[in-house]
Amino acid sequence: MPKPNKNEKEDDFISRCIPIVIEEGTTDDPDQAAAICHSMWEEEHEKGKASSWFQIKNLTDISEIWIYDEVGIWGVNAKDFIKELNGIKNKKIDMHINSPGGDVFDGAAIYNAIKRHAAKVTTYIDGLAASIASVIALAGEKVIMAQNALYMVHNPWGLVLGNANDMRAQADVLDKVRDTMLGAYKTKSGRDEDEIKALLDAETWMSANEASEFGFVDEISEEMDLAACATFVPKMLKAGYKHIPEAINPKQSPSVKDAEKALRDVGFSVKESKSILAKGFPGDLRDVDHKEITAVVAPLRDVEAKPKKKDRTADLLTRAELVAPTRN
């Protein structure tokens, strides 16, 4: 993903960023790409500020909390958040969430602090409440989720460097962390522990209707713009989430450029690749007869002089990700 250059204006960055976001396959919608780029520009310019991933606004008779980024060490720690939270004197708090999660211990501390607060808290899931953010969302007495928002639960993760004993000990720690999360999920939903464990094991993504049916959500509100959710996708992919919904991570069919690159990756020249794609093979290239491809490629090279190239068609046909693009 691109980053704003020093002193680059927002409009200039967004114009430069949109085609890169589209080319990388995060989205093919220019408006959504623009929203992603705007969020990236804001994120870059918020670095170093005190409340980079949350905001607290104290209005006349109600306070608003906005958690619109990752939780914990990637932004402001729980200690700073709770200090500001405890300064709220209003009797009502509206907490808005759009977060992929983050540090589980910071998240647990935030959840407990909100539960302890004297104010009546209403949680709004505006876009995404994933991982530990799905626990924070349940701190409100009432949870309201946008119709097109997403709610995701999974088992906690951790890294450890050491021997087998160290790794077994880490597994025990992760089980204990999971048990603390189970408490929040059970308290809100009233569901059996085994039901919730099954959701965590499967990395379960829920629509508003599904989250409501399970008991995590009390009310469903009108749809909101999910474009901001897509800014989290690269980080979630890097983290290893396996079932990110198409709503925020649309699967793109390979473009002509993608297909040409894949052909070159297995050894075909640029000219050979263009010739193969110009043939307009329908469907999955794995289903195309070897002889048919060879017939196209053979005139472009001396097969006898370079016998090893002959095997590259077999390599090509086993590349699961290479699908012939629809030609315009």
C-alpha atoms as a PDB file:
ATOM      1  CA  MET A   1       0.000   0.000   0.000  1.00  0.00           C
ATOM      2  CA  PRO A   2       1.274   3.523  -0.782  1.00  0.00           C
ATOM      3  CA  LYS A   3       2.144   6.042   1.894  1.00  0.00           C
ATOM      4  CA  PRO A   4       1.822   9.837   1.662  1.00  0.00           C
ATOM      5  CA  ASN A   5       5.027  11.628   0.811  1.00  0.00           C
ATOM      6  CA  LYS A   6       6.271  14.395   3.051  1.00  0.00           C
ATOM      7  CA  ASN A   7       4.203  17.592   2.510  1.00  0.00           C
ATOM      8  CA  GLU A   8       2.010  15.800  -0.064  1.00  0.00           C
ATOM      9  CA  LYS A   9      -1.501  17.255  -0.181  1.00  0.00           C
ATOM     10  CA  GLU A  10      -4.410  14.948   0.545  1.00  0.00           C
ATOM     11  CA  ASP A  11      -5.997  15.301  -2.917  1.00  0.00           C
ATOM     12  CA  ASP A  12      -2.673  14.586  -4.625  1.00  0.00           C
ATOM     13  CA  PHE A  13      -2.096  11.493  -2.496  1.00  0.00           C
ATOM     14  CA  ILE A  14      -5.600  10.135  -3.097  1.00  0.00           C
ATOM     15  CA  SER A  15      -5.247  10.611  -6.867  1.00  0.00           C
ATOM     16  CA  ARG A  16      -1.955   8.708  -6.786  1.00  0.00           C
ATOM     17  CA  CYS A  17      -3.238   6.085  -4.345  1.00  0.00           C
ATOM     18  CA  ILE A  18      -6.530   5.035  -6.010  1.00  0.00           C
ATOM     19  CA  PRO A  19      -5.027   3.187  -9.024  1.00  0.00           C
ATOM     20  CA  ILE A  20      -2.524   1.409  -6.750  1.00  0.00           C
ATOM     21  CA  VAL A  21      -5.271   0.171  -4.406  1.00  0.00           C
ATOM     22  CA  ILE A  22      -7.294  -1.066  -7.376  1.00  0.00           C
ATOM     23  CA  GLU A  23      -4.271  -2.718  -9.004  1.00  0.00           C
ATOM     24  CA  GLU A  24      -3.397  -4.535  -5.755  1.00  0.00           C
ATOM     25  CA  GLY A  25      -6.884  -6.047  -5.753  1.00  0.00           C
ATOM     26  CA  THR A  26      -8.212  -4.659  -2.465  1.00  0.00           C
ATOM     27  CA  THR A  27     -11.245  -3.326  -4.343  1.00  0.00           C
ATOM     28  CA  ASP A  28     -12.253  -2.509  -7.911  1.00  0.00           C
ATOM     29  CA  ASP A  29     -14.650   0.269  -6.862  1.00  0.00           C
ATOM     30  CA  PRO A  30     -13.022   3.725  -7.335  1.00  0.00           C
ATOM     31  CA  ASP A  31     -15.212   5.274  -4.613  1.00  0.00           C
ATOM     32  CA  GLN A  32     -14.244   2.579  -2.121  1.00  0.00           C
ATOM     33  CA  ALA A  33     -10.599   2.936  -3.143  1.00  0.00           C
ATOM     34  CA  ALA A  34     -10.850   6.690  -2.535  1.00  0.00           C
ATOM     35  CA  ALA A  35     -12.265   6.052   0.946  1.00  0.00           C
ATOM     36  CA  ILE A  36      -9.416   3.649   1.702  1.00  0.00           C
ATOM     37  CA  CYS A  37      -6.843   6.179   0.512  1.00  0.00           C
ATOM     38  CA  HIS A  38      -8.456   8.941   2.552  1.00  0.00           C
ATOM     39  CA  SER A  39      -8.284   6.731   5.647  1.00  0.00           C
ATOM     40  CA  MET A  40      -4.610   5.953   4.936  1.00  0.00           C
ATOM     41  CA  TRP A  41      -3.814   9.648   4.559  1.00  0.00           C
ATOM     42  CA  GLU A  42      -5.546  10.441   7.849  1.00  0.00           C
ATOM     43  CA  GLU A  43      -3.789   7.549   9.599  1.00  0.00           C
ATOM     44  CA  GLU A  44      -0.389   8.772   8.439  1.00  0.00           C
ATOM     45  CA  HIS A  45      -1.114  12.312   9.612  1.00  0.00           C
ATOM     46  CA  GLU A  46      -2.451  11.111  12.968  1.00  0.00           C
ATOM     47  CA  LYS A  47       0.806   9.369  13.885  1.00  0.00           C
ATOM     48  CA  GLY A  48       2.288  10.707  17.066  1.00  0.00           C
ATOM     49  CA  LYS A  49      -0.953  12.270  18.261  1.00  0.00           C
ATOM     50  CA  ALA A  50      -2.286  11.266  21.646  1.00  0.00           C
ATOM     51  CA  SER A  51      -5.512   9.535  20.645  1.00  0.00           C
ATOM     52  CA  SER A  52      -4.749   7.966  17.279  1.00  0.00           C
ATOM     53  CA  TRP A  53      -7.171   5.062  17.483  1.00  0.00           C
ATOM     54  CA  PHE A  54      -9.901   6.460  19.686  1.00  0.00           C
ATOM     55  CA  GLN A  55     -11.663   9.717  20.380  1.00  0.00           C
ATOM     56  CA  ILE A  56     -13.802  10.781  23.313  1.00  0.00           C
ATOM     57  CA  LYS A  57     -16.175  13.709  22.876  1.00  0.00           C
ATOM     58  CA  ASN A  58     -18.019  15.134  25.863  1.00  0.00           C
ATOM     59  CA  LEU A  59     -21.259  16.752  24.737  1.00  0.00           C
ATOM     60  CA  THR A  60     -23.870  18.485  26.898  1.00  0.00           C
ATOM     61  CA  ASP A  61     -25.581  15.414  28.351  1.00  0.00           C
ATOM     62  CA  ILE A  62     -23.882  12.516  26.588  1.00  0.00           C
ATOM     63  CA  SER A  63     -20.322  11.448  25.768  1.00  0.00           C
ATOM     64  CA  GLU A  64     -19.239   9.720  22.558  1.00  0.00           C
ATOM     65  CA  ILE A  65     -16.374   7.236  22.237  1.00  0.00           C
ATOM     66  CA  TRP A  66     -15.066   6.336  18.789  1.00  0.00           C
ATOM     67  CA  ILE A  67     -12.838   3.256  18.442  1.00  0.00           C
ATOM     68  CA  TYR A  68     -12.035   3.284  14.740  1.00  0.00           C
ATOM     69  CA  ASP A  69      -8.689   1.495  14.489  1.00  0.00           C
ATOM     70  CA  GLU A  70      -6.596  -1.274  16.059  1.00  0.00           C
ATOM     71  CA  VAL A  71      -6.491  -1.788  19.806  1.00  0.00           C
ATOM     72  CA  GLY A  72      -3.447  -1.632  22.069  1.00  0.00           C
ATOM     73  CA  ILE A  73       0.215  -1.225  21.263  1.00  0.00           C
ATOM     74  CA  TRP A  74      -0.584  -0.212  17.675  1.00  0.00           C
ATOM     75  CA  GLY A  75      -2.254   2.930  18.996  1.00  0.00           C
ATOM     76  CA  VAL A  76      -2.879   4.083  22.558  1.00  0.00           C
ATOM     77  CA  ASN A  77      -2.637   1.611  25.411  1.00  0.00           C
ATOM     78  CA  ALA A  78      -5.455   0.700  27.760  1.00  0.00           C
ATOM     79  CA  LYS A  79      -3.986   2.831  30.550  1.00  0.00           C
ATOM     80  CA  ASP A  80      -4.367   6.041  28.523  1.00  0.00           C
ATOM     81  CA  PHE A  81      -7.818   5.053  27.270  1.00  0.00           C
ATOM     82  CA  ILE A  82      -9.109   4.252  30.754  1.00  0.00           C
ATOM     83  CA  LYS A  83      -7.696   7.512  32.140  1.00  0.00           C
ATOM     84  CA  GLU A  84      -9.789   9.474  29.632  1.00  0.00           C
ATOM     85  CA  LEU A  85     -12.792   7.194  30.132  1.00  0.00           C
ATOM     86  CA  ASN A  86     -12.760   7.759  33.892  1.00  0.00           C
ATOM     87  CA  GLY A  87     -12.857  11.504  33.263  1.00  0.00           C
ATOM     88  CA  ILE A  88     -16.337  11.196  31.730  1.00  0.00           C
ATOM     89  CA  LYS A  89     -18.992  12.548  34.102  1.00  0.00           C
ATOM     90  CA  ASN A  90     -22.033  12.285  31.825  1.00  0.00           C
ATOM     91  CA  LYS A  91     -24.613   9.639  32.640  1.00  0.00           C
ATOM     92  CA  LYS A  92     -24.809   8.331  29.063  1.00  0.00           C
ATOM     93  CA  ILE A  93     -22.078   7.119  26.683  1.00  0.00           C
ATOM     94  CA  ASP A  94     -22.458   6.160  23.032  1.00  0.00           C
ATOM     95  CA  MET A  95     -19.498   3.987  21.972  1.00  0.00           C
ATOM     96  CA  HIS A  96     -18.933   3.550  18.223  1.00  0.00           C
ATOM     97  CA  ILE A  97     -16.752   0.670  17.004  1.00  0.00           C
ATOM     98  CA  ASN A  98     -15.067  -0.070  13.696  1.00  0.00           C
ATOM     99  CA  SER A  99     -11.997  -2.129  14.582  1.00  0.00           C
ATOM    100  CA  PRO A 100     -10.189  -5.330  13.530  1.00  0.00           C
ATOM    101  CA  GLY A 101      -9.101  -5.913  17.144  1.00  0.00           C
ATOM    102  CA  GLY A 102      -5.564  -5.942  18.464  1.00  0.00           C
ATOM    103  CA  ASP A 103      -3.960  -6.611  21.832  1.00  0.00           C
ATOM    104  CA  VAL A 104      -6.189  -8.979  23.817  1.00  0.00           C
ATOM    105  CA  PHE A 105      -5.045  -7.806  27.267  1.00  0.00           C
ATOM    106  CA  ASP A 106      -5.571  -4.128  26.462  1.00  0.00           C
ATOM    107  CA  GLY A 107      -8.938  -5.051  25.021  1.00  0.00           C
ATOM    108  CA  ALA A 108      -9.929  -6.979  28.136  1.00  0.00           C
ATOM    109  CA  ALA A 109      -8.912  -4.043  30.347  1.00  0.00           C
ATOM    110  CA  ILE A 110     -10.970  -1.653  28.211  1.00  0.00           C
ATOM    111  CA  TYR A 111     -13.990  -3.986  28.336  1.00  0.00           C
ATOM    112  CA  ASN A 112     -13.838  -4.216  32.130  1.00  0.00           C
ATOM    113  CA  ALA A 113     -13.358  -0.458  32.550  1.00  0.00           C
ATOM    114  CA  ILE A 114     -16.425   0.269  30.421  1.00  0.00           C
ATOM    115  CA  LYS A 115     -18.477  -2.293  32.335  1.00  0.00           C
ATOM    116  CA  ARG A 116     -17.466  -0.638  35.626  1.00  0.00           C
ATOM    117  CA  HIS A 117     -18.260   2.899  34.495  1.00  0.00           C
ATOM    118  CA  ALA A 118     -21.308   4.488  36.145  1.00  0.00           C
ATOM    119  CA  ALA A 119     -22.727   5.766  32.841  1.00  0.00           C
ATOM    120  CA  LYS A 120     -25.260   3.875  30.768  1.00  0.00           C
ATOM    121  CA  VAL A 121     -23.266   2.694  27.734  1.00  0.00           C
ATOM    122  CA  THR A 122     -24.770   1.933  24.329  1.00  0.00           C
ATOM    123  CA  THR A 123     -22.463   0.278  21.807  1.00  0.00           C
ATOM    124  CA  TYR A 124     -22.776   0.914  18.076  1.00  0.00           C
ATOM    125  CA  ILE A 125     -20.998  -1.487  15.712  1.00  0.00           C
ATOM    126  CA  ASP A 126     -20.643   0.830  12.727  1.00  0.00           C
ATOM    127  CA  GLY A 127     -18.524  -1.346  10.453  1.00  0.00           C
ATOM    128  CA  LEU A 128     -16.384  -4.106  11.928  1.00  0.00           C
ATOM    129  CA  ALA A 129     -16.076  -5.556  15.427  1.00  0.00           C
ATOM    130  CA  ALA A 130     -13.496  -8.316  15.074  1.00  0.00           C
ATOM    131  CA  SER A 131     -11.301 -10.290  17.465  1.00  0.00           C
ATOM    132  CA  ILE A 132     -10.901  -8.448  20.791  1.00  0.00           C
ATOM    133  CA  ALA A 133     -13.035  -5.585  19.428  1.00  0.00           C
ATOM    134  CA  SER A 134     -15.935  -8.070  19.391  1.00  0.00           C
ATOM    135  CA  VAL A 135     -15.485  -8.361  23.167  1.00  0.00           C
ATOM    136  CA  ILE A 136     -15.240  -4.588  23.715  1.00  0.00           C
ATOM    137  CA  ALA A 137     -18.478  -4.195  21.750  1.00  0.00           C
ATOM    138  CA  LEU A 138     -20.313  -6.289  24.348  1.00  0.00           C
ATOM    139  CA  ALA A 139     -19.441  -3.900  27.176  1.00  0.00           C
ATOM    140  CA  GLY A 140     -22.485  -1.781  26.385  1.00  0.00           C
ATOM    141  CA  GLU A 141     -25.796  -2.405  28.114  1.00  0.00           C
ATOM    142  CA  LYS A 142     -27.304  -2.280  24.642  1.00  0.00           C
ATOM    143  CA  VAL A 143     -25.519  -3.308  21.427  1.00  0.00           C
ATOM    144  CA  ILE A 144     -26.738  -1.844  18.131  1.00  0.00           C
ATOM    145  CA  MET A 145     -25.209  -3.145  14.894  1.00  0.00           C
ATOM    146  CA  ALA A 146     -25.518  -1.625  11.427  1.00  0.00           C
ATOM    147  CA  GLN A 147     -27.377  -3.875   8.984  1.00  0.00           C
ATOM    148  CA  ASN A 148     -24.313  -4.328   6.775  1.00  0.00           C
ATOM    149  CA  ALA A 149     -21.680  -4.393   9.543  1.00  0.00           C
ATOM    150  CA  LEU A 150     -19.615  -7.475  10.448  1.00  0.00           C
ATOM    151  CA  TYR A 151     -18.925  -9.238  13.744  1.00  0.00           C
ATOM    152  CA  MET A 152     -16.066 -11.753  14.014  1.00  0.00           C
ATOM    153  CA  VAL A 153     -14.897 -14.049  16.805  1.00  0.00           C
ATOM    154  CA  HIS A 154     -11.871 -16.359  16.865  1.00  0.00           C
ATOM    155  CA  ASN A 155      -9.446 -17.992  19.262  1.00  0.00           C
ATOM    156  CA  PRO A 156      -6.639 -15.787  20.615  1.00  0.00           C
ATOM    157  CA  TRP A 157      -3.241 -15.988  18.934  1.00  0.00           C
ATOM    158  CA  GLY A 158       0.260 -15.704  20.303  1.00  0.00           C
ATOM    159  CA  LEU A 159       3.913 -16.123  19.366  1.00  0.00           C
ATOM    160  CA  VAL A 160       6.591 -17.907  21.331  1.00  0.00           C
ATOM    161  CA  LEU A 161      10.273 -18.615  20.800  1.00  0.00           C
ATOM    162  CA  GLY A 162      11.628 -21.594  22.665  1.00  0.00           C
ATOM    163  CA  ASN A 163      11.546 -25.328  23.137  1.00  0.00           C
ATOM    164  CA  ALA A 164       8.617 -27.732  23.251  1.00  0.00           C
ATOM    165  CA  ASN A 165       7.951 -27.000  26.919  1.00  0.00           C
ATOM    166  CA  ASP A 166       7.768 -23.265  26.197  1.00  0.00           C
ATOM    167  CA  MET A 167       5.281 -23.887  23.407  1.00  0.00           C
ATOM    168  CA  ARG A 168       3.090 -26.135  25.547  1.00  0.00           C
ATOM    169  CA  ALA A 169       3.086 -23.451  28.229  1.00  0.00           C
ATOM    170  CA  GLN A 170       2.067 -20.848  25.637  1.00  0.00           C
ATOM    171  CA  ALA A 171      -0.821 -23.056  24.533  1.00  0.00           C
ATOM    172  CA  ASP A 172      -2.015 -23.185  28.153  1.00  0.00           C
ATOM    173  CA  VAL A 173      -1.847 -19.397  28.371  1.00  0.00           C
ATOM    174  CA  LEU A 174      -3.877 -19.027  25.170  1.00  0.00           C
ATOM    175  CA  ASP A 175      -6.524 -21.386  26.559  1.00  0.00           C
ATOM    176  CA  LYS A 176      -6.794 -19.221  29.678  1.00  0.00           C
ATOM    177  CA  VAL A 177      -7.086 -16.077  27.558  1.00  0.00           C
ATOM    178  CA  ARG A 178      -9.834 -17.747  25.542  1.00  0.00           C
ATOM    179  CA  ASP A 179     -11.672 -18.549  28.766  1.00  0.00           C
ATOM    180  CA  THR A 180     -11.696 -14.864  29.735  1.00  0.00           C
ATOM    181  CA  MET A 181     -13.236 -14.029  26.345  1.00  0.00           C
ATOM    182  CA  LEU A 182     -15.800 -16.812  26.740  1.00  0.00           C
ATOM    183  CA  GLY A 183     -17.079 -15.095  29.873  1.00  0.00           C
ATOM    184  CA  ALA A 184     -17.996 -11.935  27.957  1.00  0.00           C
ATOM    185  CA  TYR A 185     -19.607 -13.861  25.092  1.00  0.00           C
ATOM    186  CA  LYS A 186     -21.612 -16.093  27.475  1.00  0.00           C
ATOM    187  CA  THR A 187     -22.773 -13.201  29.643  1.00  0.00           C
ATOM    188  CA  LYS A 188     -24.168 -11.329  26.639  1.00  0.00           C
ATOM    189  CA  SER A 189     -25.604 -14.188  24.583  1.00  0.00           C
ATOM    190  CA  GLY A 190     -26.629 -16.657  27.270  1.00  0.00           C
ATOM    191  CA  ARG A 191     -25.379 -19.405  24.971  1.00  0.00           C
ATOM    192  CA  ASP A 192     -23.724 -22.656  25.984  1.00  0.00           C
ATOM    193  CA  GLU A 193     -19.920 -22.594  26.270  1.00  0.00           C
ATOM    194  CA  ASP A 194     -19.491 -25.361  23.692  1.00  0.00           C
ATOM    195  CA  GLU A 195     -21.530 -23.386  21.144  1.00  0.00           C
ATOM    196  CA  ILE A 196     -19.313 -20.370  21.585  1.00  0.00           C
ATOM    197  CA  LYS A 197     -16.108 -22.428  21.467  1.00  0.00           C
ATOM    198  CA  ALA A 198     -17.248 -23.821  18.096  1.00  0.00           C
ATOM    199  CA  LEU A 199     -17.589 -20.264  16.784  1.00  0.00           C
ATOM    200  CA  LEU A 200     -14.116 -19.350  18.012  1.00  0.00           C
ATOM    201  CA  ASP A 201     -12.550 -22.482  16.532  1.00  0.00           C
ATOM    202  CA  ALA A 202     -14.040 -21.712  13.114  1.00  0.00           C
ATOM    203  CA  GLU A 203     -13.081 -17.974  12.979  1.00  0.00           C
ATOM    204  CA  THR A 204     -16.741 -17.054  12.549  1.00  0.00           C
ATOM    205  CA  TRP A 205     -17.787 -13.909  10.682  1.00  0.00           C
ATOM    206  CA  MET A 206     -21.392 -12.881  11.324  1.00  0.00           C
ATOM    207  CA  SER A 207     -23.788 -10.531   9.651  1.00  0.00           C
ATOM    208  CA  ALA A 208     -25.932  -8.296  11.840  1.00  0.00           C
ATOM    209  CA  ASN A 209     -28.814 -10.746  11.561  1.00  0.00           C
ATOM    210  CA  GLU A 210     -26.604 -13.686  12.548  1.00  0.00           C
ATOM    211  CA  ALA A 211     -25.034 -11.820  15.470  1.00  0.00           C
ATOM    212  CA  SER A 212     -28.508 -10.788  16.631  1.00  0.00           C
ATOM    213  CA  GLU A 213     -29.843 -14.330  16.346  1.00  0.00           C
ATOM    214  CA  PHE A 214     -26.942 -15.634  18.426  1.00  0.00           C
ATOM    215  CA  GLY A 215     -27.558 -13.032  21.105  1.00  0.00           C
ATOM    216  CA  PHE A 216     -24.550 -10.757  20.685  1.00  0.00           C
ATOM    217  CA  VAL A 217     -26.615  -7.862  19.307  1.00  0.00           C
ATOM    218  CA  ASP A 218     -29.792  -6.305  20.698  1.00  0.00           C
ATOM    219  CA  GLU A 219     -30.845  -4.145  17.777  1.00  0.00           C
ATOM    220  CA  ILE A 220     -30.061  -3.719  14.069  1.00  0.00           C
ATOM    221  CA  SER A 221     -29.816  -0.223  12.581  1.00  0.00           C
ATOM    222  CA  GLU A 222     -29.724   1.048   9.009  1.00  0.00           C
ATOM    223  CA  GLU A 223     -26.793   0.332   6.702  1.00  0.00           C
ATOM    224  CA  MET A 224     -23.586   2.346   6.886  1.00  0.00           C
ATOM    225  CA  ASP A 225     -20.662   2.796   4.509  1.00  0.00           C
ATOM    226  CA  LEU A 226     -18.276  -0.169   4.934  1.00  0.00           C
ATOM    227  CA  ALA A 227     -15.444   1.368   2.892  1.00  0.00           C
ATOM    228  CA  ALA A 228     -13.378   2.086   5.996  1.00  0.00           C
ATOM    229  CA  CYS A 229     -13.416  -1.628   6.881  1.00  0.00           C
ATOM    230  CA  ALA A 230     -11.421  -2.408   3.764  1.00  0.00           C
ATOM    231  CA  THR A 231      -8.460  -0.443   5.118  1.00  0.00           C
ATOM    232  CA  PHE A 232      -8.001  -3.216   7.685  1.00  0.00           C
ATOM    233  CA  VAL A 233      -7.919  -6.026   5.093  1.00  0.00           C
ATOM    234  CA  PRO A 234      -4.141  -5.987   4.331  1.00  0.00           C
ATOM    235  CA  LYS A 235      -3.350  -6.191   8.060  1.00  0.00           C
ATOM    236  CA  MET A 236      -5.925  -8.949   8.618  1.00  0.00           C
ATOM    237  CA  LEU A 237      -4.549 -10.959   5.697  1.00  0.00           C
ATOM    238  CA  LYS A 238      -1.041 -10.540   7.087  1.00  0.00           C
ATOM    239  CA  ALA A 239      -2.299 -11.640  10.509  1.00  0.00           C
ATOM    240  CA  GLY A 240      -3.646 -14.840   9.011  1.00  0.00           C
ATOM    241  CA  TYR A 241      -7.439 -14.412   9.007  1.00  0.00           C
ATOM    242  CA  LYS A 242      -8.733 -17.113   6.685  1.00  0.00           C
ATOM    243  CA  HIS A 243     -12.376 -16.238   6.070  1.00  0.00           C
ATOM    244  CA  ILE A 244     -12.556 -12.501   5.414  1.00  0.00           C
ATOM    245  CA  PRO A 245     -15.954 -11.845   3.771  1.00  0.00           C
ATOM    246  CA  GLU A 246     -16.175 -10.571   0.223  1.00  0.00           C
ATOM    247  CA  ALA A 247     -18.037  -7.521   1.515  1.00  0.00           C
ATOM    248  CA  ILE A 248     -14.695  -6.015   2.563  1.00  0.00           C
ATOM    249  CA  ASN A 249     -12.254  -8.212   0.630  1.00  0.00           C
ATOM    250  CA  PRO A 250     -13.838  -8.850  -2.781  1.00  0.00           C
ATOM    251  CA  LYS A 251     -12.271 -11.680  -4.737  1.00  0.00           C
ATOM    252  CA  GLN A 252     -11.075 -10.370  -8.050  1.00  0.00           C
ATOM    253  CA  SER A 253     -10.755 -12.432 -11.197  1.00  0.00           C
ATOM    254  CA  PRO A 254      -7.233 -12.091 -12.565  1.00  0.00           C
ATOM    255  CA  SER A 255      -6.861  -9.271 -15.061  1.00  0.00           C
ATOM    256  CA  VAL A 256      -5.064  -9.701 -18.384  1.00  0.00           C
ATOM    257  CA  LYS A 257      -2.002  -8.220 -16.691  1.00  0.00           C
ATOM    258  CA  ASP A 258      -2.257 -10.771 -13.837  1.00  0.00           C
ATOM    259  CA  ALA A 259      -2.579 -13.683 -16.270  1.00  0.00           C
ATOM    260  CA  GLU A 260       0.342 -12.458 -18.346  1.00  0.00           C
ATOM    261  CA  LYS A 261       2.525 -12.167 -15.248  1.00  0.00           C
ATOM    262  CA  ALA A 262       1.583 -15.691 -14.154  1.00  0.00           C
ATOM    263  CA  LEU A 263       2.601 -17.038 -17.566  1.00  0.00           C
ATOM    264  CA  ARG A 264       5.938 -15.240 -17.340  1.00  0.00           C
ATOM    265  CA  ASP A 265       6.430 -16.618 -13.823  1.00  0.00           C
ATOM    266  CA  VAL A 266       6.433 -20.162 -15.164  1.00  0.00           C
ATOM    267  CA  GLY A 267       8.904 -19.333 -17.904  1.00  0.00           C
ATOM    268  CA  PHE A 268       7.065 -17.975 -20.946  1.00  0.00           C
ATOM    269  CA  SER A 269       8.390 -14.838 -22.582  1.00  0.00           C
ATOM    270  CA  VAL A 270       6.312 -11.658 -22.810  1.00  0.00           C
ATOM    271  CA  LYS A 271       5.603 -12.356 -26.477  1.00  0.00           C
ATOM    272  CA  GLU A 272       4.615 -15.967 -25.788  1.00  0.00           C
ATOM    273  CA  SER A 273       2.371 -14.902 -22.909  1.00  0.00           C
ATOM    274  CA  LYS A 274       0.564 -12.316 -25.013  1.00  0.00           C
ATOM    275  CA  SER A 275       0.070 -14.879 -27.768  1.00  0.00           C
ATOM    276  CA  ILE A 276      -1.424 -17.424 -25.375  1.00  0.00           C
ATOM    277  CA  LEU A 277      -3.833 -14.877 -23.906  1.00  0.00           C
ATOM    278  CA  ALA A 278      -4.749 -13.587 -27.341  1.00  0.00           C
ATOM    279  CA  LYS A 279      -6.068 -17.071 -28.062  1.00  0.00           C
ATOM    280  CA  GLY A 280      -8.843 -16.300 -25.595  1.00  0.00           C
ATOM    281  CA  PHE A 281      -8.978 -19.664 -23.824  1.00  0.00           C
ATOM    282  CA  PRO A 282     -12.293 -19.954 -21.952  1.00  0.00           C
ATOM    283  CA  GLY A 283     -12.520 -20.838 -18.275  1.00  0.00           C
ATOM    284  CA  ASP A 284      -9.702 -22.353 -16.285  1.00  0.00           C
ATOM    285  CA  LEU A 285      -6.444 -22.789 -18.196  1.00  0.00           C
ATOM    286  CA  ARG A 286      -5.914 -26.060 -16.353  1.00  0.00           C
ATOM    287  CA  ASP A 287      -8.708 -27.526 -18.469  1.00  0.00           C
ATOM    288  CA  VAL A 288      -7.073 -26.615 -21.760  1.00  0.00           C
ATOM    289  CA  ASP A 289      -5.401 -29.403 -23.692  1.00  0.00           C
ATOM    290  CA  HIS A 290      -1.588 -29.265 -23.562  1.00  0.00           C
ATOM    291  CA  LYS A 291      -1.323 -29.660 -27.324  1.00  0.00           C
ATOM    292  CA  GLU A 292      -3.611 -26.687 -27.887  1.00  0.00           C
ATOM    293  CA  ILE A 293      -1.329 -24.357 -25.933  1.00  0.00           C
ATOM    294  CA  THR A 294       1.782 -25.846 -27.479  1.00  0.00           C
ATOM    295  CA  ALA A 295       0.324 -25.228 -30.923  1.00  0.00           C
ATOM    296  CA  VAL A 296       0.048 -21.540 -30.130  1.00  0.00           C
ATOM    297  CA  VAL A 297       3.475 -21.274 -28.523  1.00  0.00           C
ATOM    298  CA  ALA A 298       5.496 -23.497 -30.878  1.00  0.00           C
ATOM    299  CA  PRO A 299       5.694 -21.046 -33.794  1.00  0.00           C
ATOM    300  CA  LEU A 300       7.210 -18.466 -31.469  1.00  0.00           C
ATOM    301  CA  ARG A 301      10.171 -20.507 -30.318  1.00  0.00           C
ATOM    302  CA  ASP A 302      12.465 -23.332 -31.301  1.00  0.00           C
ATOM    303  CA  VAL A 303      11.004 -26.149 -29.196  1.00  0.00           C
ATOM    304  CA  GLU A 304      13.658 -28.636 -30.352  1.00  0.00           C
ATOM    305  CA  ALA A 305      16.475 -26.280 -29.448  1.00  0.00           C
ATOM    306  CA  LYS A 306      14.966 -25.610 -26.025  1.00  0.00           C
ATOM    307  CA  PRO A 307      13.362 -28.915 -24.991  1.00  0.00           C
ATOM    308  CA  LYS A 308      13.032 -27.879 -21.341  1.00  0.00           C
ATOM    309  CA  LYS A 309      10.570 -25.181 -22.293  1.00  0.00           C
ATOM    310  CA  LYS A 310       8.191 -27.872 -23.437  1.00  0.00           C
ATOM    311  CA  ASP A 311       7.557 -28.837 -19.820  1.00  0.00           C
ATOM    312  CA  ARG A 312       6.506 -25.351 -18.858  1.00  0.00           C
ATOM    313  CA  THR A 313       3.030 -25.863 -20.279  1.00  0.00           C
ATOM    314  CA  ALA A 314       2.486 -28.541 -17.630  1.00  0.00           C
ATOM    315  CA  ASP A 315       3.646 -26.083 -14.959  1.00  0.00           C
ATOM    316  CA  LEU A 316       1.255 -23.516 -16.325  1.00  0.00           C
ATOM    317  CA  LEU A 317      -1.727 -25.841 -16.211  1.00  0.00           C
ATOM    318  CA  THR A 318      -1.180 -26.655 -12.546  1.00  0.00           C
ATOM    319  CA  ARG A 319      -1.263 -23.021 -11.394  1.00  0.00           C
ATOM    320  CA  ALA A 320      -4.622 -22.942  -9.634  1.00  0.00           C
ATOM    321  CA  GLU A 321      -4.734 -19.154  -9.443  1.00  0.00           C
ATOM    322  CA  LEU A 322      -4.370 -18.589 -13.181  1.00  0.00           C
ATOM    323  CA  VAL A 323      -7.774 -18.242 -14.781  1.00  0.00           C
ATOM    324  CA  ALA A 324      -8.195 -16.940 -18.320  1.00  0.00           C
ATOM    325  CA  PRO A 325      -9.648 -13.439 -18.090  1.00  0.00           C
ATOM    326  CA  THR A 326     -12.839 -12.381 -19.803  1.00  0.00           C
ATOM    327  CA  ARG A 327     -11.810 -10.434 -22.813  1.00  0.00           C
ATOM    328  CA  ASN A 328     -13.480  -7.099 -23.559  1.00  0.00           C
END
